[in-house]
Amino acid sequence: MNQSLLFTLDGKIELAEAILQSANLFSTEHEISLGYLNKQKFSDGELCVDFTDSVRGKSVFLLSSPNTSDAIINLALAIDAAKRGGAKEIIPILPYFPYARQDKKDQSRGPIGAKVMAEIIEQRGATSVITFDLHADQIQGFFNIPVTHIEGKHVFDSYIFETIKAYNHNEVVLCGPDAGSGKRVKRMRDQINKRYDVNLNIVMIDKTRKQANVIDEMIIIGDVKGKHVVILDDMVDTAGTLCKAAEVLKDAGAKTVTAVIAHGVLSGPAYNRIENSMLTELVISDSLETIEEQKITVVSVAQQIGMAVSASINNLSYEALKSIKTVY
C-alpha cells in the first residue's frame, strides 16, 4: 500500500486529524497518515522547516492557512524541503488562500498579490493545490498546476438548511452584501434547492466605499421586511461592513440577520463589533484560528478537504465525491 503524509505547518492538529479521518474514509488503495516536522525561528527572525519523517517517493500534503508573512515563508520552505527530500507529489492544502483580496490591480502601479502567492507556491515545487472558497474564481487561473477549489456551498448548505427549518422557508432570504457576491448567493440558492428542494429568494446590498474598511452608503435591493436574512460572503475582517449591513437590514424590517462567512479573519475590533451588533449569529469555517464566542459558530471544512485529498491520492473524481454528506 502506498503511503501519503499530511503535515500541518500551523499547528492545527485537530483539523489535520479530522481531514485524515475523512480522507481515509473515502480511500480505497492508499493510506494517508500524519507526518511530523520541525520549525525553527532564529533570533534574527530567519525561519527553517525540516521533516522528521522521510518523504521520498511519497505524496506530501502541507496543511497551512498562511495569513502572516512567517506562515508564507514556512510554506515556501516546506515545499522546497519536500522537493529536495524526493517527494513524489507536493500538494499544499490552503483552507485560507493568502492575499486573495488582491486579485486584480486596484492602483495603476499596484501589485496583484494573489498572483504573487500563486507563483511562490508553484515555482517552489508544488504539483497541485487544494484550497477553500477563494475570494475570486480567477485566482485558479493564476496557477499552471491543478487546483481543487472547494466552494463554500458544500460546507455551509446543511447548516443553512437547519436554520431554514426553524422558520417558514418563505420567510428566509439569502443576501449578497455587495455587487460581487451575486454568483456566490445564486450558487448557494441552487445548492439548497437541489439538495433540499427548498427555493429561497435573494436580496442584494449595493454599497459604495470611500476607502478600505469604510462604507459610505448601503442600499437594499429587494424586500426584507418580516424576513429572516442570511448574509453570504467569503471573508469577514474587521467586521465593520458586516455589522453595518446587519443594522441596515434590521432598520428595513428584517426579523433576524445571520451571516455565513467562509473565512473569519476577525482582526482589530471585529470581536467587539460582532458581540455588540444586530447580528443574531455569525457562522464561519475553521480555515483560520477563531475564538468561538456567544454569537460565533464554527463549521469545519475537514470533510470536504478530506474528500479532495482522497480524490487526489486515489485518482478519483472530486466532483463525484464532493456532494456526499457523511456524519462520523
C-alpha atoms as a PDB file:
ATOM      1  CA  MET A   1       0.000   0.000   0.000  1.00  0.00           C
ATOM      2  CA  ASN A   2       1.414   3.364  -0.986  1.00  0.00           C
ATOM      3  CA  GLN A   3       1.681   5.825   1.874  1.00  0.00           C
ATOM      4  CA  SER A   4       0.973   9.531   1.831  1.00  0.00           C
ATOM      5  CA  LEU A   5       1.782  12.008   4.578  1.00  0.00           C
ATOM      6  CA  LEU A   6      -0.034  15.106   5.768  1.00  0.00           C
ATOM      7  CA  PHE A   7       1.961  17.744   7.648  1.00  0.00           C
ATOM      8  CA  THR A   8       0.417  20.700   9.445  1.00  0.00           C
ATOM      9  CA  LEU A   9       2.529  23.854   9.268  1.00  0.00           C
ATOM     10  CA  ASP A  10       0.483  25.991  11.637  1.00  0.00           C
ATOM     11  CA  GLY A  11      -0.194  23.529  14.432  1.00  0.00           C
ATOM     12  CA  LYS A  12      -3.828  22.782  13.562  1.00  0.00           C
ATOM     13  CA  ILE A  13      -3.634  19.156  14.701  1.00  0.00           C
ATOM     14  CA  GLU A  14      -7.362  18.820  15.324  1.00  0.00           C
ATOM     15  CA  LEU A  15      -8.212  19.934  11.782  1.00  0.00           C
ATOM     16  CA  ALA A  16      -5.448  17.750  10.332  1.00  0.00           C
ATOM     17  CA  GLU A  17      -6.742  14.655  12.143  1.00  0.00           C
ATOM     18  CA  ALA A  18     -10.316  15.356  11.020  1.00  0.00           C
ATOM     19  CA  ILE A  19      -9.103  15.690   7.419  1.00  0.00           C
ATOM     20  CA  LEU A  20      -7.269  12.363   7.726  1.00  0.00           C
ATOM     21  CA  GLN A  21     -10.373  10.685   9.105  1.00  0.00           C
ATOM     22  CA  SER A  22     -12.423  11.897   6.163  1.00  0.00           C
ATOM     23  CA  ALA A  23      -9.719  11.118   3.597  1.00  0.00           C
ATOM     24  CA  ASN A  24      -9.202   7.563   4.815  1.00  0.00           C
ATOM     25  CA  LEU A  25     -12.970   7.035   4.939  1.00  0.00           C
ATOM     26  CA  PHE A  26     -13.119   7.540   1.175  1.00  0.00           C
ATOM     27  CA  SER A  27      -9.734   5.997   0.284  1.00  0.00           C
ATOM     28  CA  THR A  28      -9.605   2.635  -1.427  1.00  0.00           C
ATOM     29  CA  GLU A  29      -5.958   1.749  -2.138  1.00  0.00           C
ATOM     30  CA  HIS A  30      -3.841   4.393  -0.444  1.00  0.00           C
ATOM     31  CA  GLU A  31      -3.219   5.168   3.206  1.00  0.00           C
ATOM     32  CA  ILE A  32      -2.583   8.687   4.456  1.00  0.00           C
ATOM     33  CA  SER A  33      -1.182   9.430   7.881  1.00  0.00           C
ATOM     34  CA  LEU A  34       0.023  12.385   9.922  1.00  0.00           C
ATOM     35  CA  GLY A  35       3.657  13.357   9.444  1.00  0.00           C
ATOM     36  CA  TYR A  36       5.876  15.402  11.713  1.00  0.00           C
ATOM     37  CA  LEU A  37       8.230  18.289  11.050  1.00  0.00           C
ATOM     38  CA  ASN A  38      10.422  20.774  12.879  1.00  0.00           C
ATOM     39  CA  LYS A  39      10.066  24.535  12.606  1.00  0.00           C
ATOM     40  CA  GLN A  40      12.736  26.909  13.832  1.00  0.00           C
ATOM     41  CA  LYS A  41      12.880  30.671  14.165  1.00  0.00           C
ATOM     42  CA  PHE A  42      16.272  32.161  14.849  1.00  0.00           C
ATOM     43  CA  SER A  43      16.912  35.288  16.898  1.00  0.00           C
ATOM     44  CA  ASP A  44      17.125  37.462  13.776  1.00  0.00           C
ATOM     45  CA  GLY A  45      13.728  36.178  12.541  1.00  0.00           C
ATOM     46  CA  GLU A  46      15.087  33.706   9.992  1.00  0.00           C
ATOM     47  CA  LEU A  47      12.953  30.568   9.601  1.00  0.00           C
ATOM     48  CA  CYS A  48      13.706  26.935   8.826  1.00  0.00           C
ATOM     49  CA  VAL A  49      11.483  23.879   8.214  1.00  0.00           C
ATOM     50  CA  ASP A  50      12.635  20.251   8.028  1.00  0.00           C
ATOM     51  CA  PHE A  51      10.766  16.943   8.056  1.00  0.00           C
ATOM     52  CA  THR A  52      11.142  14.319  10.784  1.00  0.00           C
ATOM     53  CA  ASP A  53       9.578  11.653   8.528  1.00  0.00           C
ATOM     54  CA  SER A  54      11.046  10.530   5.238  1.00  0.00           C
ATOM     55  CA  VAL A  55       9.079  11.913   2.268  1.00  0.00           C
ATOM     56  CA  ARG A  56      10.937  10.105  -0.506  1.00  0.00           C
ATOM     57  CA  GLY A  57       8.564   8.724  -3.113  1.00  0.00           C
ATOM     58  CA  LYS A  58       5.503   9.807  -1.153  1.00  0.00           C
ATOM     59  CA  SER A  59       2.623  12.180  -1.743  1.00  0.00           C
ATOM     60  CA  VAL A  60       3.119  15.058   0.683  1.00  0.00           C
ATOM     61  CA  PHE A  61       0.216  17.266   1.780  1.00  0.00           C
ATOM     62  CA  LEU A  62       1.086  20.526   3.542  1.00  0.00           C
ATOM     63  CA  LEU A  63      -1.777  21.983   5.593  1.00  0.00           C
ATOM     64  CA  SER A  64      -1.488  25.723   6.122  1.00  0.00           C
ATOM     65  CA  SER A  65      -3.593  28.883   6.190  1.00  0.00           C
ATOM     66  CA  PRO A  66      -0.699  31.293   5.624  1.00  0.00           C
ATOM     67  CA  ASN A  67      -2.211  34.615   6.704  1.00  0.00           C
ATOM     68  CA  THR A  68       1.070  36.025   8.041  1.00  0.00           C
ATOM     69  CA  SER A  69       4.458  36.666   6.427  1.00  0.00           C
ATOM     70  CA  ASP A  70       6.122  33.988   8.580  1.00  0.00           C
ATOM     71  CA  ALA A  71       3.476  31.434   7.573  1.00  0.00           C
ATOM     72  CA  ILE A  72       4.000  32.200   3.877  1.00  0.00           C
ATOM     73  CA  ILE A  73       7.765  31.725   4.215  1.00  0.00           C
ATOM     74  CA  ASN A  74       7.279  28.495   6.195  1.00  0.00           C
ATOM     75  CA  LEU A  75       5.031  27.167   3.420  1.00  0.00           C
ATOM     76  CA  ALA A  76       7.601  28.026   0.734  1.00  0.00           C
ATOM     77  CA  LEU A  77      10.400  26.406   2.770  1.00  0.00           C
ATOM     78  CA  ALA A  78       8.327  23.273   3.409  1.00  0.00           C
ATOM     79  CA  ILE A  79       7.554  22.881  -0.305  1.00  0.00           C
ATOM     80  CA  ASP A  80      11.256  23.250  -1.089  1.00  0.00           C
ATOM     81  CA  ALA A  81      12.226  20.763   1.629  1.00  0.00           C
ATOM     82  CA  ALA A  82       9.728  18.213   0.299  1.00  0.00           C
ATOM     83  CA  LYS A  83      11.036  18.636  -3.235  1.00  0.00           C
ATOM     84  CA  ARG A  84      14.659  18.194  -2.108  1.00  0.00           C
ATOM     85  CA  GLY A  85      13.592  15.207   0.012  1.00  0.00           C
ATOM     86  CA  GLY A  86      12.377  13.359  -3.084  1.00  0.00           C
ATOM     87  CA  ALA A  87       8.613  13.628  -2.581  1.00  0.00           C
ATOM     88  CA  LYS A  88       6.590  12.197  -5.464  1.00  0.00           C
ATOM     89  CA  GLU A  89       3.883  14.861  -5.161  1.00  0.00           C
ATOM     90  CA  ILE A  90       3.724  18.075  -3.136  1.00  0.00           C
ATOM     91  CA  ILE A  91       0.195  19.317  -2.509  1.00  0.00           C
ATOM     92  CA  PRO A  92      -0.389  22.365  -0.304  1.00  0.00           C
ATOM     93  CA  ILE A  93      -3.802  22.362   1.398  1.00  0.00           C
ATOM     94  CA  LEU A  94      -4.723  26.013   1.862  1.00  0.00           C
ATOM     95  CA  PRO A  95      -8.085  26.425   3.627  1.00  0.00           C
ATOM     96  CA  TYR A  96      -7.351  30.169   3.517  1.00  0.00           C
ATOM     97  CA  PHE A  97      -5.522  31.459   0.448  1.00  0.00           C
ATOM     98  CA  PRO A  98      -3.210  34.399   1.259  1.00  0.00           C
ATOM     99  CA  TYR A  99      -3.598  37.811  -0.393  1.00  0.00           C
ATOM    100  CA  ALA A 100      -6.777  36.637  -2.123  1.00  0.00           C
ATOM    101  CA  ARG A 101      -8.308  40.131  -1.947  1.00  0.00           C
ATOM    102  CA  GLN A 102      -5.521  41.358  -4.224  1.00  0.00           C
ATOM    103  CA  ASP A 103      -6.886  39.510  -7.247  1.00  0.00           C
ATOM    104  CA  LYS A 104      -6.528  42.430  -9.692  1.00  0.00           C
ATOM    105  CA  LYS A 105      -4.770  45.759  -9.980  1.00  0.00           C
ATOM    106  CA  ASP A 106      -6.582  48.374  -7.911  1.00  0.00           C
ATOM    107  CA  GLN A 107      -3.918  51.026  -8.481  1.00  0.00           C
ATOM    108  CA  SER A 108      -2.143  51.930 -11.718  1.00  0.00           C
ATOM    109  CA  ARG A 109       1.204  50.800 -10.270  1.00  0.00           C
ATOM    110  CA  GLY A 110      -0.048  48.275  -7.720  1.00  0.00           C
ATOM    111  CA  PRO A 111       0.636  44.524  -7.443  1.00  0.00           C
ATOM    112  CA  ILE A 112      -1.610  41.528  -7.911  1.00  0.00           C
ATOM    113  CA  GLY A 113      -0.850  39.883  -4.583  1.00  0.00           C
ATOM    114  CA  ALA A 114      -2.788  36.663  -5.213  1.00  0.00           C
ATOM    115  CA  LYS A 115      -0.768  36.093  -8.396  1.00  0.00           C
ATOM    116  CA  VAL A 116       2.465  36.607  -6.448  1.00  0.00           C
ATOM    117  CA  MET A 117       1.345  33.971  -3.905  1.00  0.00           C
ATOM    118  CA  ALA A 118       0.431  31.532  -6.684  1.00  0.00           C
ATOM    119  CA  GLU A 119       3.855  31.939  -8.269  1.00  0.00           C
ATOM    120  CA  ILE A 120       5.664  31.390  -4.954  1.00  0.00           C
ATOM    121  CA  ILE A 121       3.721  28.174  -4.334  1.00  0.00           C
ATOM    122  CA  GLU A 122       4.082  26.833  -7.864  1.00  0.00           C
ATOM    123  CA  GLN A 123       7.697  27.820  -8.506  1.00  0.00           C
ATOM    124  CA  ARG A 124       8.883  26.295  -5.219  1.00  0.00           C
ATOM    125  CA  GLY A 125       7.663  22.923  -6.494  1.00  0.00           C
ATOM    126  CA  ALA A 126       4.010  22.315  -5.624  1.00  0.00           C
ATOM    127  CA  THR A 127       2.442  19.852  -8.053  1.00  0.00           C
ATOM    128  CA  SER A 128      -1.178  20.771  -7.269  1.00  0.00           C
ATOM    129  CA  VAL A 129      -3.160  22.799  -4.724  1.00  0.00           C
ATOM    130  CA  ILE A 130      -6.300  22.231  -2.634  1.00  0.00           C
ATOM    131  CA  THR A 131      -7.995  25.392  -1.401  1.00  0.00           C
ATOM    132  CA  PHE A 132     -11.305  26.572   0.033  1.00  0.00           C
ATOM    133  CA  ASP A 133     -13.662  29.332  -1.100  1.00  0.00           C
ATOM    134  CA  LEU A 134     -11.432  31.713  -2.996  1.00  0.00           C
ATOM    135  CA  HIS A 135     -12.232  35.412  -2.931  1.00  0.00           C
ATOM    136  CA  ALA A 136     -12.412  35.354  -6.735  1.00  0.00           C
ATOM    137  CA  ASP A 137     -12.666  32.396  -9.120  1.00  0.00           C
ATOM    138  CA  GLN A 138      -9.984  33.816 -11.433  1.00  0.00           C
ATOM    139  CA  ILE A 139      -7.295  33.076  -8.837  1.00  0.00           C
ATOM    140  CA  GLN A 140      -7.396  29.465 -10.062  1.00  0.00           C
ATOM    141  CA  GLY A 141      -6.123  30.792 -13.387  1.00  0.00           C
ATOM    142  CA  PHE A 142      -3.028  32.245 -11.708  1.00  0.00           C
ATOM    143  CA  PHE A 143      -1.716  28.668 -11.435  1.00  0.00           C
ATOM    144  CA  ASN A 144      -0.371  26.403 -14.173  1.00  0.00           C
ATOM    145  CA  ILE A 145      -0.875  23.331 -11.963  1.00  0.00           C
ATOM    146  CA  PRO A 146      -4.176  21.633 -10.994  1.00  0.00           C
ATOM    147  CA  VAL A 147      -6.254  23.488  -8.393  1.00  0.00           C
ATOM    148  CA  THR A 148      -9.040  21.788  -6.446  1.00  0.00           C
ATOM    149  CA  HIS A 149     -11.330  24.609  -5.338  1.00  0.00           C
ATOM    150  CA  ILE A 150     -13.841  23.684  -2.622  1.00  0.00           C
ATOM    151  CA  GLU A 151     -16.771  26.092  -2.763  1.00  0.00           C
ATOM    152  CA  GLY A 152     -18.417  27.262   0.432  1.00  0.00           C
ATOM    153  CA  LYS A 153     -21.812  25.972  -0.630  1.00  0.00           C
ATOM    154  CA  HIS A 154     -20.660  22.388   0.039  1.00  0.00           C
ATOM    155  CA  VAL A 155     -19.614  23.240   3.606  1.00  0.00           C
ATOM    156  CA  PHE A 156     -22.436  25.546   4.713  1.00  0.00           C
ATOM    157  CA  ASP A 157     -25.516  24.308   2.839  1.00  0.00           C
ATOM    158  CA  SER A 158     -26.650  21.863   5.537  1.00  0.00           C
ATOM    159  CA  TYR A 159     -26.174  24.465   8.274  1.00  0.00           C
ATOM    160  CA  ILE A 160     -28.273  26.984   6.364  1.00  0.00           C
ATOM    161  CA  PHE A 161     -30.958  24.356   5.780  1.00  0.00           C
ATOM    162  CA  GLU A 162     -31.106  23.649   9.530  1.00  0.00           C
ATOM    163  CA  THR A 163     -31.587  27.388  10.048  1.00  0.00           C
ATOM    164  CA  ILE A 164     -34.348  27.434   7.459  1.00  0.00           C
ATOM    165  CA  LYS A 165     -36.169  24.567   9.196  1.00  0.00           C
ATOM    166  CA  ALA A 166     -36.534  26.721  12.310  1.00  0.00           C
ATOM    167  CA  TYR A 167     -38.702  29.141  10.319  1.00  0.00           C
ATOM    168  CA  ASN A 168     -41.172  29.112   7.460  1.00  0.00           C
ATOM    169  CA  HIS A 169     -38.841  28.937   4.450  1.00  0.00           C
ATOM    170  CA  ASN A 170     -40.911  31.615   2.716  1.00  0.00           C
ATOM    171  CA  GLU A 171     -39.680  33.996   5.411  1.00  0.00           C
ATOM    172  CA  VAL A 172     -35.976  33.255   4.764  1.00  0.00           C
ATOM    173  CA  VAL A 173     -33.973  35.200   2.173  1.00  0.00           C
ATOM    174  CA  LEU A 174     -30.337  34.954   1.121  1.00  0.00           C
ATOM    175  CA  CYS A 175     -28.481  38.262   0.973  1.00  0.00           C
ATOM    176  CA  GLY A 176     -25.472  39.309  -1.080  1.00  0.00           C
ATOM    177  CA  PRO A 177     -23.609  42.079   0.767  1.00  0.00           C
ATOM    178  CA  ASP A 178     -22.198  43.659  -2.404  1.00  0.00           C
ATOM    179  CA  ALA A 179     -22.400  43.527  -6.183  1.00  0.00           C
ATOM    180  CA  GLY A 180     -19.596  40.967  -6.428  1.00  0.00           C
ATOM    181  CA  SER A 181     -21.396  38.412  -4.260  1.00  0.00           C
ATOM    182  CA  GLY A 182     -24.177  37.661  -6.746  1.00  0.00           C
ATOM    183  CA  LYS A 183     -22.660  34.403  -8.044  1.00  0.00           C
ATOM    184  CA  ARG A 184     -21.950  33.128  -4.533  1.00  0.00           C
ATOM    185  CA  VAL A 185     -25.537  33.739  -3.401  1.00  0.00           C
ATOM    186  CA  LYS A 186     -27.047  32.174  -6.518  1.00  0.00           C
ATOM    187  CA  ARG A 187     -24.833  29.094  -6.153  1.00  0.00           C
ATOM    188  CA  MET A 188     -25.975  28.624  -2.572  1.00  0.00           C
ATOM    189  CA  ARG A 189     -29.625  29.082  -3.559  1.00  0.00           C
ATOM    190  CA  ASP A 190     -29.254  26.485  -6.327  1.00  0.00           C
ATOM    191  CA  GLN A 191     -27.402  24.099  -3.995  1.00  0.00           C
ATOM    192  CA  ILE A 192     -30.141  24.259  -1.336  1.00  0.00           C
ATOM    193  CA  ASN A 193     -32.824  23.872  -3.966  1.00  0.00           C
ATOM    194  CA  LYS A 194     -31.049  20.843  -5.465  1.00  0.00           C
ATOM    195  CA  ARG A 195     -30.287  19.073  -2.180  1.00  0.00           C
ATOM    196  CA  TYR A 196     -33.314  20.011  -0.081  1.00  0.00           C
ATOM    197  CA  ASP A 197     -35.955  21.068  -2.629  1.00  0.00           C
ATOM    198  CA  VAL A 198     -36.314  24.484  -0.982  1.00  0.00           C
ATOM    199  CA  ASN A 199     -36.435  27.612  -3.120  1.00  0.00           C
ATOM    200  CA  LEU A 200     -35.189  30.779  -1.428  1.00  0.00           C
ATOM    201  CA  ASN A 201     -35.479  34.388  -2.535  1.00  0.00           C
ATOM    202  CA  ILE A 202     -32.452  36.669  -2.885  1.00  0.00           C
ATOM    203  CA  VAL A 203     -31.835  40.290  -1.930  1.00  0.00           C
ATOM    204  CA  MET A 204     -28.708  42.315  -2.599  1.00  0.00           C
ATOM    205  CA  ILE A 205     -26.991  45.253  -0.925  1.00  0.00           C
ATOM    206  CA  ASP A 206     -25.468  47.952  -3.103  1.00  0.00           C
ATOM    207  CA  LYS A 207     -22.657  49.685  -1.220  1.00  0.00           C
ATOM    208  CA  THR A 208     -20.213  52.424  -2.002  1.00  0.00           C
ATOM    209  CA  ARG A 209     -16.860  52.502  -0.233  1.00  0.00           C
ATOM    210  CA  LYS A 210     -14.799  55.649   0.350  1.00  0.00           C
ATOM    211  CA  GLN A 211     -11.724  53.684   1.430  1.00  0.00           C
ATOM    212  CA  ALA A 212     -10.752  50.226   2.724  1.00  0.00           C
ATOM    213  CA  ASN A 213     -12.973  49.113   5.635  1.00  0.00           C
ATOM    214  CA  VAL A 214     -15.026  52.347   5.452  1.00  0.00           C
ATOM    215  CA  ILE A 215     -18.543  52.242   3.937  1.00  0.00           C
ATOM    216  CA  ASP A 216     -20.203  55.386   2.597  1.00  0.00           C
ATOM    217  CA  GLU A 217     -23.722  54.135   1.786  1.00  0.00           C
ATOM    218  CA  MET A 218     -25.756  50.904   1.662  1.00  0.00           C
ATOM    219  CA  ILE A 219     -28.950  50.401  -0.341  1.00  0.00           C
ATOM    220  CA  ILE A 220     -31.020  47.189  -0.113  1.00  0.00           C
ATOM    221  CA  ILE A 221     -32.282  45.816  -3.424  1.00  0.00           C
ATOM    222  CA  GLY A 222     -35.288  43.675  -2.505  1.00  0.00           C
ATOM    223  CA  ASP A 223     -37.728  43.301   0.388  1.00  0.00           C
ATOM    224  CA  VAL A 224     -36.555  42.127   3.817  1.00  0.00           C
ATOM    225  CA  LYS A 225     -39.478  43.274   5.952  1.00  0.00           C
ATOM    226  CA  GLY A 226     -40.560  40.425   8.226  1.00  0.00           C
ATOM    227  CA  LYS A 227     -37.827  38.156   6.825  1.00  0.00           C
ATOM    228  CA  HIS A 228     -35.016  36.128   8.336  1.00  0.00           C
ATOM    229  CA  VAL A 229     -31.959  37.247   6.369  1.00  0.00           C
ATOM    230  CA  VAL A 230     -28.855  35.112   5.761  1.00  0.00           C
ATOM    231  CA  ILE A 231     -25.867  37.156   4.538  1.00  0.00           C
ATOM    232  CA  LEU A 232     -23.349  35.176   2.450  1.00  0.00           C
ATOM    233  CA  ASP A 233     -19.773  36.299   1.887  1.00  0.00           C
ATOM    234  CA  ASP A 234     -16.258  34.904   1.606  1.00  0.00           C
ATOM    235  CA  MET A 235     -14.480  36.889   4.302  1.00  0.00           C
ATOM    236  CA  VAL A 236     -15.048  38.988   7.418  1.00  0.00           C
ATOM    237  CA  ASP A 237     -12.073  41.053   8.569  1.00  0.00           C
ATOM    238  CA  THR A 238     -12.716  43.996  10.897  1.00  0.00           C
ATOM    239  CA  ALA A 239     -16.490  43.282  10.680  1.00  0.00           C
ATOM    240  CA  GLY A 240     -17.359  46.943  10.194  1.00  0.00           C
ATOM    241  CA  THR A 241     -19.092  46.363   6.865  1.00  0.00           C
ATOM    242  CA  LEU A 242     -20.888  43.236   8.087  1.00  0.00           C
ATOM    243  CA  CYS A 243     -22.218  44.873  11.249  1.00  0.00           C
ATOM    244  CA  LYS A 244     -23.331  47.933   9.270  1.00  0.00           C
ATOM    245  CA  ALA A 245     -25.167  45.646   6.824  1.00  0.00           C
ATOM    246  CA  ALA A 246     -26.940  43.906   9.719  1.00  0.00           C
ATOM    247  CA  GLU A 247     -28.007  47.297  11.078  1.00  0.00           C
ATOM    248  CA  VAL A 248     -29.336  48.431   7.686  1.00  0.00           C
ATOM    249  CA  LEU A 249     -31.260  45.165   7.239  1.00  0.00           C
ATOM    250  CA  LYS A 250     -32.792  45.374  10.719  1.00  0.00           C
ATOM    251  CA  ASP A 251     -33.780  49.001  10.103  1.00  0.00           C
ATOM    252  CA  ALA A 252     -35.513  47.820   6.920  1.00  0.00           C
ATOM    253  CA  GLY A 253     -37.655  45.406   8.935  1.00  0.00           C
ATOM    254  CA  ALA A 254     -35.688  42.138   8.975  1.00  0.00           C
ATOM    255  CA  LYS A 255     -36.664  39.863  11.878  1.00  0.00           C
ATOM    256  CA  THR A 256     -33.205  38.318  12.257  1.00  0.00           C
ATOM    257  CA  VAL A 257     -29.870  38.650  10.475  1.00  0.00           C
ATOM    258  CA  THR A 258     -27.451  35.709  10.320  1.00  0.00           C
ATOM    259  CA  ALA A 259     -24.119  35.887   8.484  1.00  0.00           C
ATOM    260  CA  VAL A 260     -22.489  32.834   6.902  1.00  0.00           C
ATOM    261  CA  ILE A 261     -18.909  33.759   6.028  1.00  0.00           C
ATOM    262  CA  ALA A 262     -16.249  31.370   4.734  1.00  0.00           C
ATOM    263  CA  HIS A 263     -13.179  32.917   6.380  1.00  0.00           C
ATOM    264  CA  GLY A 264     -13.149  34.566   9.793  1.00  0.00           C
ATOM    265  CA  VAL A 265     -10.098  36.832   9.626  1.00  0.00           C
ATOM    266  CA  LEU A 266     -11.567  38.839  12.532  1.00  0.00           C
ATOM    267  CA  SER A 267      -8.825  41.396  13.087  1.00  0.00           C
ATOM    268  CA  GLY A 268      -8.744  44.533  15.228  1.00  0.00           C
ATOM    269  CA  PRO A 269     -12.145  45.413  16.731  1.00  0.00           C
ATOM    270  CA  ALA A 270     -14.000  42.572  14.975  1.00  0.00           C
ATOM    271  CA  TYR A 271     -14.982  40.503  18.023  1.00  0.00           C
ATOM    272  CA  ASN A 272     -16.258  43.509  19.956  1.00  0.00           C
ATOM    273  CA  ARG A 273     -18.226  44.771  16.957  1.00  0.00           C
ATOM    274  CA  ILE A 274     -19.864  41.399  16.366  1.00  0.00           C
ATOM    275  CA  GLU A 275     -20.816  40.991  20.014  1.00  0.00           C
ATOM    276  CA  ASN A 276     -22.495  44.417  20.048  1.00  0.00           C
ATOM    277  CA  SER A 277     -24.049  44.195  16.572  1.00  0.00           C
ATOM    278  CA  MET A 278     -27.544  43.452  15.304  1.00  0.00           C
ATOM    279  CA  LEU A 279     -26.333  40.037  14.134  1.00  0.00           C
ATOM    280  CA  THR A 280     -28.126  37.045  15.585  1.00  0.00           C
ATOM    281  CA  GLU A 281     -25.252  34.736  14.646  1.00  0.00           C
ATOM    282  CA  LEU A 282     -22.019  34.673  12.659  1.00  0.00           C
ATOM    283  CA  VAL A 283     -21.195  31.290  11.114  1.00  0.00           C
ATOM    284  CA  ILE A 284     -17.633  30.812   9.839  1.00  0.00           C
ATOM    285  CA  SER A 285     -15.350  27.932   8.882  1.00  0.00           C
ATOM    286  CA  ASP A 286     -12.258  26.727  10.732  1.00  0.00           C
ATOM    287  CA  SER A 287      -9.985  27.806   7.866  1.00  0.00           C
ATOM    288  CA  LEU A 288      -8.358  30.231  10.332  1.00  0.00           C
ATOM    289  CA  GLU A 289      -7.869  30.158  14.086  1.00  0.00           C
ATOM    290  CA  THR A 290     -11.005  31.659  15.627  1.00  0.00           C
ATOM    291  CA  ILE A 291     -12.334  32.193  19.114  1.00  0.00           C
ATOM    292  CA  GLU A 292     -15.833  30.685  19.260  1.00  0.00           C
ATOM    293  CA  GLU A 293     -17.849  33.199  21.271  1.00  0.00           C
ATOM    294  CA  GLN A 294     -21.540  33.728  22.042  1.00  0.00           C
ATOM    295  CA  LYS A 295     -22.532  34.891  18.562  1.00  0.00           C
ATOM    296  CA  ILE A 296     -19.871  32.962  16.627  1.00  0.00           C
ATOM    297  CA  THR A 297     -20.373  29.383  15.384  1.00  0.00           C
ATOM    298  CA  VAL A 298     -17.592  27.454  13.619  1.00  0.00           C
ATOM    299  CA  VAL A 299     -18.305  24.835  10.923  1.00  0.00           C
ATOM    300  CA  SER A 300     -15.430  22.569   9.889  1.00  0.00           C
ATOM    301  CA  VAL A 301     -14.098  22.250   6.342  1.00  0.00           C
ATOM    302  CA  ALA A 302     -12.428  18.926   7.235  1.00  0.00           C
ATOM    303  CA  GLN A 303     -14.854  16.581   5.489  1.00  0.00           C
ATOM    304  CA  GLN A 304     -14.758  18.306   2.122  1.00  0.00           C
ATOM    305  CA  ILE A 305     -10.974  18.766   2.259  1.00  0.00           C
ATOM    306  CA  GLY A 306     -10.639  15.106   3.201  1.00  0.00           C
ATOM    307  CA  MET A 307     -12.650  14.179   0.120  1.00  0.00           C
ATOM    308  CA  ALA A 308     -10.332  16.295  -2.034  1.00  0.00           C
ATOM    309  CA  VAL A 309      -7.281  14.598  -0.507  1.00  0.00           C
ATOM    310  CA  SER A 310      -8.802  11.163  -1.075  1.00  0.00           C
ATOM    311  CA  ALA A 311      -9.645  12.031  -4.659  1.00  0.00           C
ATOM    312  CA  SER A 312      -6.049  13.114  -5.225  1.00  0.00           C
ATOM    313  CA  ILE A 313      -4.284  10.057  -3.816  1.00  0.00           C
ATOM    314  CA  ASN A 314      -6.759   7.517  -5.224  1.00  0.00           C
ATOM    315  CA  ASN A 315      -7.144   9.082  -8.679  1.00  0.00           C
ATOM    316  CA  LEU A 316     -10.846   9.568  -8.072  1.00  0.00           C
ATOM    317  CA  SER A 317     -13.153  12.353  -9.153  1.00  0.00           C
ATOM    318  CA  TYR A 318     -13.633  15.047  -6.515  1.00  0.00           C
ATOM    319  CA  GLU A 319     -16.692  16.161  -8.478  1.00  0.00           C
ATOM    320  CA  ALA A 320     -18.287  12.797  -7.712  1.00  0.00           C
ATOM    321  CA  LEU A 321     -17.287  12.805  -4.027  1.00  0.00           C
ATOM    322  CA  LYS A 322     -17.917  16.422  -3.027  1.00  0.00           C
ATOM    323  CA  SER A 323     -21.695  16.269  -2.881  1.00  0.00           C
ATOM    324  CA  ILE A 324     -21.656  13.394  -0.364  1.00  0.00           C
ATOM    325  CA  LYS A 325     -22.562  14.283   3.218  1.00  0.00           C
ATOM    326  CA  THR A 326     -21.337  11.745   5.754  1.00  0.00           C
ATOM    327  CA  VAL A 327     -21.657  12.057   9.530  1.00  0.00           C
ATOM    328  CA  TYR A 328     -18.954  10.339  11.511  1.00  0.00           C
END
